[in-house]
C-alpha atoms as a PDB file:
ATOM      1  CA  MET A   1      -0.257   0.316   0.192  1.00  0.00           C
ATOM      2  CA  GLU A   2       1.071   3.213  -1.050  1.00  0.00           C
ATOM      3  CA  PRO A   3       1.565   6.274   1.496  1.00  0.00           C
ATOM      4  CA  GLU A   4      -0.273   9.395   1.179  1.00  0.00           C
ATOM      5  CA  ILE A   5       1.590  11.436  -0.613  1.00  0.00           C
ATOM      6  CA  VAL A   6       1.646  15.454   0.694  1.00  0.00           C
ATOM      7  CA  PHE A   7       3.126  18.161  -1.012  1.00  0.00           C
ATOM      8  CA  VAL A   8       5.065  21.674   0.326  1.00  0.00           C
ATOM      9  CA  PRO A   9       4.867  24.581  -1.708  1.00  0.00           C
ATOM     10  CA  SER A  10       9.567  24.090  -2.594  1.00  0.00           C
ATOM     11  CA  ALA A  11       8.522  20.387  -4.065  1.00  0.00           C
ATOM     12  CA  PHE A  12       7.463  22.681  -7.251  1.00  0.00           C
ATOM     13  CA  LYS A  13      10.123  24.878  -7.296  1.00  0.00           C
ATOM     14  CA  HIS A  14      12.307  23.039 -10.221  1.00  0.00           C
ATOM     15  CA  LYS A  15       8.757  22.621 -12.381  1.00  0.00           C
ATOM     16  CA  VAL A  16       8.489  19.095 -11.434  1.00  0.00           C
ATOM     17  CA  THR A  17       4.540  18.312 -11.520  1.00  0.00           C
ATOM     18  CA  ARG A  18       2.414  16.243  -8.949  1.00  0.00           C
ATOM     19  CA  GLU A  19       2.100  13.820 -11.463  1.00  0.00           C
ATOM     20  CA  ASP A  20       5.934  13.320 -12.193  1.00  0.00           C
ATOM     21  CA  ILE A  21       6.746  13.236  -8.322  1.00  0.00           C
ATOM     22  CA  ILE A  22       4.019  10.586  -8.066  1.00  0.00           C
ATOM     23  CA  HIS A  23       5.317   8.240 -10.857  1.00  0.00           C
ATOM     24  CA  ALA A  24       8.841   8.515  -9.571  1.00  0.00           C
ATOM     25  CA  TYR A  25       7.686   7.174  -6.349  1.00  0.00           C
ATOM     26  CA  ARG A  26       6.274   4.681  -8.098  1.00  0.00           C
ATOM     27  CA  THR A  27       9.285   3.808 -10.324  1.00  0.00           C
ATOM     28  CA  ARG A  28      11.854   4.747  -7.517  1.00  0.00           C
ATOM     29  CA  VAL A  29      15.113   2.427  -7.704  1.00  0.00           C
ATOM     30  CA  HIS A  30      16.917   3.727  -4.864  1.00  0.00           C
ATOM     31  CA  ASP A  31      15.103   4.861  -1.333  1.00  0.00           C
ATOM     32  CA  GLY A  32      17.023   5.923   1.757  1.00  0.00           C
ATOM     33  CA  LEU A  33      17.918   8.252   4.459  1.00  0.00           C
ATOM     34  CA  LEU A  34      19.653  11.462   2.990  1.00  0.00           C
ATOM     35  CA  GLU A  35      23.190  11.497   4.719  1.00  0.00           C
ATOM     36  CA  LYS A  36      24.015  14.152   7.565  1.00  0.00           C
ATOM     37  CA  TYR A  37      20.159  14.391   7.945  1.00  0.00           C
ATOM     38  CA  GLY A  38      18.170  13.028  10.939  1.00  0.00           C
ATOM     39  CA  ASN A  39      14.837  12.798   8.906  1.00  0.00           C
ATOM     40  CA  LYS A  40      14.927  13.602   5.623  1.00  0.00           C
ATOM     41  CA  TYR A  41      15.070  10.800   2.932  1.00  0.00           C
ATOM     42  CA  GLY A  42      15.281  11.127  -0.625  1.00  0.00           C
ATOM     43  CA  PHE A  43      14.510   8.772  -3.974  1.00  0.00           C
ATOM     44  CA  ILE A  44      15.646   9.053  -7.268  1.00  0.00           C
ATOM     45  CA  GLY A  45      13.152   7.550  -9.828  1.00  0.00           C
ATOM     46  CA  PHE A  46      11.887   7.994 -13.062  1.00  0.00           C
ATOM     47  CA  ASN A  47       9.260  11.039 -14.692  1.00  0.00           C
ATOM     48  CA  ARG A  48       6.829  10.176 -16.875  1.00  0.00           C
ATOM     49  CA  ALA A  49       8.914  10.885 -19.746  1.00  0.00           C
ATOM     50  CA  GLY A  50      11.215   8.347 -18.538  1.00  0.00           C
ATOM     51  CA  ASN A  51      14.146  10.853 -16.988  1.00  0.00           C
ATOM     52  CA  PRO A  52      15.478  10.450 -13.521  1.00  0.00           C
ATOM     53  CA  ILE A  53      14.372  12.969 -10.838  1.00  0.00           C
ATOM     54  CA  GLU A  54      15.558  13.327  -7.051  1.00  0.00           C
ATOM     55  CA  VAL A  55      13.281  13.524  -4.363  1.00  0.00           C
ATOM     56  CA  PHE A  56      13.539  14.099  -1.044  1.00  0.00           C
ATOM     57  CA  TYR A  57      11.112  13.560   1.819  1.00  0.00           C
ATOM     58  CA  ASN A  58       9.764  13.890   5.594  1.00  0.00           C
ATOM     59  CA  PRO A  59       8.104  10.564   6.782  1.00  0.00           C
ATOM     60  CA  ILE A  60       4.928  11.519   8.999  1.00  0.00           C
ATOM     61  CA  GLY A  61       3.862   8.913  10.840  1.00  0.00           C
ATOM     62  CA  ASP A  62       3.370   5.773   9.733  1.00  0.00           C
ATOM     63  CA  ASP A  63       1.891   6.362   6.524  1.00  0.00           C
ATOM     64  CA  THR A  64       2.407   9.706   4.977  1.00  0.00           C
ATOM     65  CA  ILE A  65       5.266  11.425   3.454  1.00  0.00           C
ATOM     66  CA  LYS A  66       5.665  15.201   2.671  1.00  0.00           C
ATOM     67  CA  ILE A  67       7.820  15.906  -0.372  1.00  0.00           C
ATOM     68  CA  PHE A  68       9.356  19.061   0.180  1.00  0.00           C
ATOM     69  CA  HIS A  69      12.040  18.809  -2.688  1.00  0.00           C
ATOM     70  CA  ALA A  70      11.717  17.233  -6.317  1.00  0.00           C
ATOM     71  CA  MET A  71      13.869  18.252  -9.308  1.00  0.00           C
ATOM     72  CA  ASP A  72      15.802  16.421 -12.544  1.00  0.00           C
ATOM     73  CA  CYS A  73      18.570  13.869 -11.125  1.00  0.00           C
ATOM     74  CA  ARG A  74      22.360  15.839 -10.452  1.00  0.00           C
ATOM     75  CA  ASN A  75      24.874  13.505 -10.841  1.00  0.00           C
ATOM     76  CA  GLY A  76      26.506  12.297  -7.340  1.00  0.00           C
ATOM     77  CA  ILE A  77      23.142  12.352  -5.649  1.00  0.00           C
ATOM     78  CA  ILE A  78      22.686   8.461  -5.116  1.00  0.00           C
ATOM     79  CA  THR A  79      25.971   8.491  -3.120  1.00  0.00           C
ATOM     80  CA  GLN A  80      23.934  11.127  -0.730  1.00  0.00           C
ATOM     81  CA  ILE A  81      21.064   8.979  -0.058  1.00  0.00           C
ATOM     82  CA  GLU A  82      21.340   5.637   2.465  1.00  0.00           C
ATOM     83  CA  PRO A  83      20.817   2.424   1.077  1.00  0.00           C
END
């Protein structure tokens, strides 16, 4: 079962759409704690065009995540997400 996904305005700063973020969640290939942060997580998934995007989020309870960042995947970002 997928968690409820909520968004804050900063999630759309880089012009990634809600639909692409949800699609990236469903196609994520790497998901884990962001290095050096306590309650910030990230995943890499694919937008609807098949391009990789990075998404950062906070878990809220057991069944909700709050997305606060999404953009085209940068080189090296995978090394900052602990498996």
